[in-house]
Protein backbone atom coordinates (compact mmCIF):
# COMPACT_ATOMS: atom_id res chain seq x y z
CA UNK A 1 -19.02 3.49 1.00
CA UNK A 2 -17.77 0.40 -1.62
CA UNK A 3 -14.20 0.89 -3.91
CA UNK A 4 -15.46 1.82 -7.09
CA UNK A 5 -14.61 -1.02 -9.31
CA UNK A 6 -11.33 -1.63 -11.20
CA UNK A 7 -11.23 -3.03 -14.65
CA UNK A 8 -7.82 -5.44 -15.60
CA UNK A 9 -7.44 -6.00 -18.77
CA UNK A 10 -4.95 -8.07 -20.39
CA UNK A 11 -3.12 -6.34 -23.65
CA UNK A 12 -0.59 -8.72 -24.26
CA UNK A 13 1.54 -12.21 -22.61
CA UNK A 14 2.17 -11.27 -19.32
CA UNK A 15 1.26 -7.34 -19.48
CA UNK A 16 -2.35 -6.48 -18.14
CA UNK A 17 -3.59 -2.57 -17.56
CA UNK A 18 -5.52 -1.75 -14.67
CA UNK A 19 -8.01 1.41 -15.03
CA UNK A 20 -10.30 2.67 -12.22
CA UNK A 21 -13.91 4.69 -12.59
CA UNK A 22 -11.69 7.28 -12.34
CA UNK A 23 -9.81 7.14 -15.87
CA UNK A 24 -5.86 6.24 -14.03
CA UNK A 25 -4.03 3.71 -14.94
CA UNK A 26 -1.49 1.40 -14.43
CA UNK A 27 0.83 -1.29 -15.92
CA UNK A 28 0.89 -4.76 -14.62
CA UNK A 29 3.12 -7.64 -15.57
CA UNK A 30 5.52 -10.31 -14.23
CA UNK A 31 8.28 -8.96 -11.79
CA UNK A 32 10.97 -10.39 -14.62
CA UNK A 33 9.42 -8.60 -17.55
CA UNK A 34 9.43 -4.69 -18.41
CA UNK A 35 8.55 -1.91 -16.03
CA UNK A 36 5.55 -2.18 -14.98
CA UNK A 37 4.17 -3.24 -11.36
CA UNK A 38 4.42 -6.84 -10.27
CA UNK A 39 1.00 -7.67 -8.63
CA UNK A 40 2.71 -8.17 -5.19
CA UNK A 41 4.89 -4.65 -6.19
CA UNK A 42 0.84 -3.43 -6.24
CA UNK A 43 0.06 -4.90 -3.20
CA UNK A 44 3.57 -3.61 -1.33
CA UNK A 45 2.34 0.11 -2.68
CA UNK A 46 -0.89 -0.05 -1.65
CA UNK A 47 0.31 -1.01 1.89
CA UNK A 48 2.48 2.09 1.79
CA UNK A 49 0.64 4.36 0.45
CA UNK A 50 -2.61 3.36 2.25
CA UNK A 51 -0.26 3.79 5.54
CA UNK A 52 0.80 7.14 3.99
CA UNK A 53 -2.87 8.82 3.43
CA UNK A 54 -3.66 7.23 6.60
CA UNK A 55 -0.84 9.35 8.99
CA UNK A 56 -0.96 12.40 7.02
CA UNK A 57 -3.08 14.60 8.73
CA UNK A 58 -1.25 13.52 11.76
CA UNK A 59 2.16 14.17 10.47
CA UNK A 60 1.39 17.37 8.99
CA UNK A 61 -0.36 18.78 12.60
CA UNK A 62 3.34 18.05 13.65
CA UNK A 63 5.37 18.53 11.43
CA UNK A 64 3.93 21.03 9.01
CA UNK A 65 1.77 20.94 5.66
CA UNK A 66 4.37 20.64 3.71
CA UNK A 67 6.43 18.43 5.65
CA UNK A 68 8.07 15.33 3.32
CA UNK A 69 7.21 12.13 3.65
CA UNK A 70 9.11 9.25 2.15
CA UNK A 71 7.67 5.43 2.57
CA UNK A 72 9.76 2.11 2.19
CA UNK A 73 8.01 -0.94 1.74
CA UNK A 74 9.83 -4.26 1.85
CA UNK A 75 8.69 -7.65 2.27
CA UNK A 76 9.33 -11.27 3.01
CA UNK A 77 8.37 -13.99 0.37
CA UNK A 78 7.58 -17.47 1.83
CA UNK A 79 8.34 -19.50 -1.75
CA UNK A 80 7.07 -22.48 -0.37
CA UNK A 81 3.48 -21.73 0.50
CA UNK A 82 3.77 -18.75 -2.31
CA UNK A 83 2.64 -15.74 -0.28
CA UNK A 84 4.60 -12.88 2.06
CA UNK A 85 4.98 -13.91 5.18
CA UNK A 86 5.95 -10.06 6.40
CA UNK A 87 5.46 -6.49 4.88
CA UNK A 88 7.39 -3.90 6.22
CA UNK A 89 6.65 0.31 6.23
CA UNK A 90 9.44 2.71 7.54
CA UNK A 91 8.30 6.36 7.27
CA UNK A 92 11.10 8.64 5.94
CA UNK A 93 10.77 11.87 8.03
CA UNK A 94 12.25 15.06 8.92
CA UNK A 95 12.25 14.42 13.38
CA UNK A 96 15.44 16.72 13.59
CA UNK A 97 12.96 19.44 15.34
CA UNK A 98 11.76 17.39 17.32
CA UNK A 99 13.04 15.86 20.97
CA UNK A 100 13.03 12.22 21.95
CA UNK A 101 9.54 12.52 23.77
CA UNK A 102 8.00 14.27 20.71
CA UNK A 103 9.49 11.88 18.40
CA UNK A 104 7.66 8.42 20.07
CA UNK A 105 4.30 10.43 20.60
CA UNK A 106 4.71 10.84 17.02
CA UNK A 107 5.50 7.17 16.25
CA UNK A 108 2.92 6.16 18.51
CA UNK A 109 -0.13 8.53 16.94
CA UNK A 110 1.01 7.53 13.71
CA UNK A 111 0.85 4.07 13.81
CA UNK A 112 -2.62 4.47 15.58
CA UNK A 113 -3.79 6.28 12.99
CA UNK A 114 -2.85 3.49 10.86
CA UNK A 115 -4.31 0.85 13.04
CA UNK A 116 -7.32 2.51 12.42
CA UNK A 117 -7.41 3.91 9.41
CA UNK A 118 -6.01 2.08 6.55
CA UNK A 119 -8.45 0.01 4.93
CA UNK A 120 -5.96 -2.02 3.06
CA UNK A 121 -3.87 -3.29 6.23
CA UNK A 122 -6.66 -4.29 7.87
CA UNK A 123 -7.23 -6.09 4.71
CA UNK A 124 -4.29 -8.24 4.59
CA UNK A 125 -4.02 -8.99 8.38
CA UNK A 126 -5.48 -11.86 9.91
CA UNK A 127 -8.16 -13.02 8.93
CA UNK A 128 -7.44 -11.96 5.76
CA UNK A 129 -10.21 -11.45 2.87
CA UNK A 130 -12.01 -13.91 0.71
CA UNK A 131 -11.43 -13.78 -2.25
CA UNK A 132 -14.01 -15.05 -5.08
CA UNK A 133 -12.96 -16.38 -8.63
CA UNK A 134 -15.52 -16.64 -10.95
CA UNK A 135 -14.18 -17.20 -14.72
CA UNK A 136 -17.56 -16.28 -16.75
CA UNK A 137 -18.05 -16.10 -20.40
CA UNK A 138 -20.03 -12.69 -22.25
């Protein structure tokens, strides 16, 4: 099933709003201006959220339905190539009730769940995805 379309409209110079088919909105702009997400920050957020959603059931089964999960996403940028060279996602979980073997098992299970189910990571990792841009008038 294809994802629902997203419309991105320009609101002002350097300011855009993305709207999905369900009516959710997110402000997008340059990282140096305002409180909007930059496109790169949105990509990082998408990678982190996708990993969290992909691993959520595994985590809930082991740590409980209400287990707090925080994902921290950082990235390295290759300025010369003008692209991200690496994105790192770390999960902040309360593992205090698990022994070392259980922690290792959970880490492996979470990694497999994300590798299998995270569409965003699977899209940006090699070979990547083609992006077609077609300027067109109405």
